[in-house]
Protein backbone atom coordinates (compact mmCIF):
# COMPACT_ATOMS: atom_id res chain seq x y z
CA MET A 1 53.64 -21.73 80.99
CA TYR A 2 50.92 -22.04 78.36
CA ILE A 3 53.09 -20.18 75.85
CA SER A 4 56.11 -22.44 76.36
CA TYR A 5 53.86 -25.52 76.12
CA THR A 6 52.42 -24.24 72.85
CA GLN A 7 55.88 -23.42 71.53
CA SER A 8 57.03 -26.89 72.51
CA ASN A 9 54.13 -28.43 70.59
CA MET A 10 54.87 -26.26 67.57
CA ASP A 11 58.52 -27.33 67.59
CA PHE A 12 57.45 -30.95 67.92
CA PHE A 13 55.17 -30.71 64.88
CA LYS A 14 57.73 -28.75 62.85
CA ASN A 15 60.28 -31.48 63.53
CA LYS A 16 57.78 -34.19 62.58
CA ILE A 17 56.97 -32.38 59.33
CA LYS A 18 60.66 -31.89 58.55
CA LYS A 19 61.43 -35.57 59.13
CA TYR A 20 58.46 -36.59 56.99
CA GLN A 21 59.58 -34.28 54.17
CA GLU A 22 63.13 -35.62 54.36
CA LYS A 23 61.81 -39.18 54.18
CA LYS A 24 59.65 -38.30 51.18
CA LEU A 25 62.58 -36.60 49.47
CA ASP A 26 64.68 -39.75 49.91
CA GLU A 27 61.88 -41.82 48.38
CA ILE A 28 61.54 -39.42 45.45
CA LEU A 29 65.28 -39.42 44.78
CA PHE A 30 65.30 -43.22 44.88
CA LYS A 31 62.45 -43.36 42.35
CA ILE A 32 64.20 -40.89 40.04
CA GLN A 33 67.38 -42.95 40.19
CA PHE A 34 65.46 -46.18 39.59
CA HIS A 35 63.65 -44.87 36.52
CA GLN A 36 66.81 -43.28 35.12
CA SER A 37 68.83 -46.47 35.44
CA THR A 38 66.00 -48.62 34.06
CA LYS A 39 65.53 -46.28 31.10
CA LYS A 40 69.27 -46.32 30.42
CA GLU A 41 69.38 -50.13 30.51
CA LEU A 42 66.43 -50.36 28.11
CA GLU A 43 68.00 -47.82 25.75
CA GLU A 44 71.24 -49.80 25.71
CA LYS A 45 69.28 -52.99 25.05
CA MET A 46 67.40 -51.24 22.22
CA ASN A 47 70.65 -50.02 20.66
CA LYS A 48 72.03 -53.57 20.57
CA MET A 49 68.95 -54.91 18.81
CA LYS A 50 68.84 -55.10 15.04
CA PHE A 51 65.09 -54.49 14.91
CA SER A 52 62.62 -52.18 16.57
CA ASP A 53 60.64 -53.46 19.55
CA ASP A 54 57.39 -51.59 20.28
CA LYS A 55 57.15 -52.82 23.86
CA LEU A 56 60.71 -51.70 24.57
CA THR A 57 59.98 -48.31 23.03
CA LYS A 58 56.86 -47.94 25.20
CA ASP A 59 58.81 -48.96 28.32
CA ILE A 60 61.51 -46.38 27.57
CA SER A 61 58.84 -43.74 27.05
CA TYR A 62 57.11 -44.74 30.30
CA HIS A 63 60.30 -44.43 32.33
CA GLY A 64 61.04 -41.06 30.69
CA LYS A 65 57.61 -39.78 31.75
CA MET A 66 58.06 -41.12 35.27
CA ILE A 67 61.41 -39.31 35.52
CA GLU A 68 59.72 -36.05 34.56
CA ILE A 69 56.93 -36.58 37.10
CA TRP A 70 59.29 -37.42 39.96
CA ILE A 71 61.61 -34.51 39.17
CA ALA A 72 58.59 -32.19 39.29
CA ASN A 73 57.59 -33.73 42.63
CA GLU A 74 61.12 -33.21 43.92
CA LYS A 75 61.04 -29.53 42.95
CA LYS A 76 57.67 -29.04 44.68
CA LEU A 77 58.83 -30.75 47.85
CA ARG A 78 62.11 -28.81 47.96
CA LYS A 79 60.11 -25.59 47.55
CA GLN A 80 57.87 -26.59 50.47
CA MET A 81 60.89 -27.47 52.58
CA ASN A 82 62.42 -24.03 51.97
CA GLU A 83 59.27 -22.13 52.91
CA PRO A 84 59.24 -20.73 56.45
CA GLN A 85 56.78 -22.47 58.74
């Protein structure tokens, strides 16, 4: 009985962890999509301008860096999700 109770608890926690990881992955993918679309909009706006705008350039750079960070986070999380528990 103790063994089945322990196994039941382990399954419970594994399921909780899996759900948490899936939720985090959804959040990460949303953030990647957000920064990609924002960067694209800013680049299009920059291309239509006849002069250079430093703030716009910094914003584009910021969103590019955020994309890199969130993609790295996605890779780490996917690696964790694929590891056996």
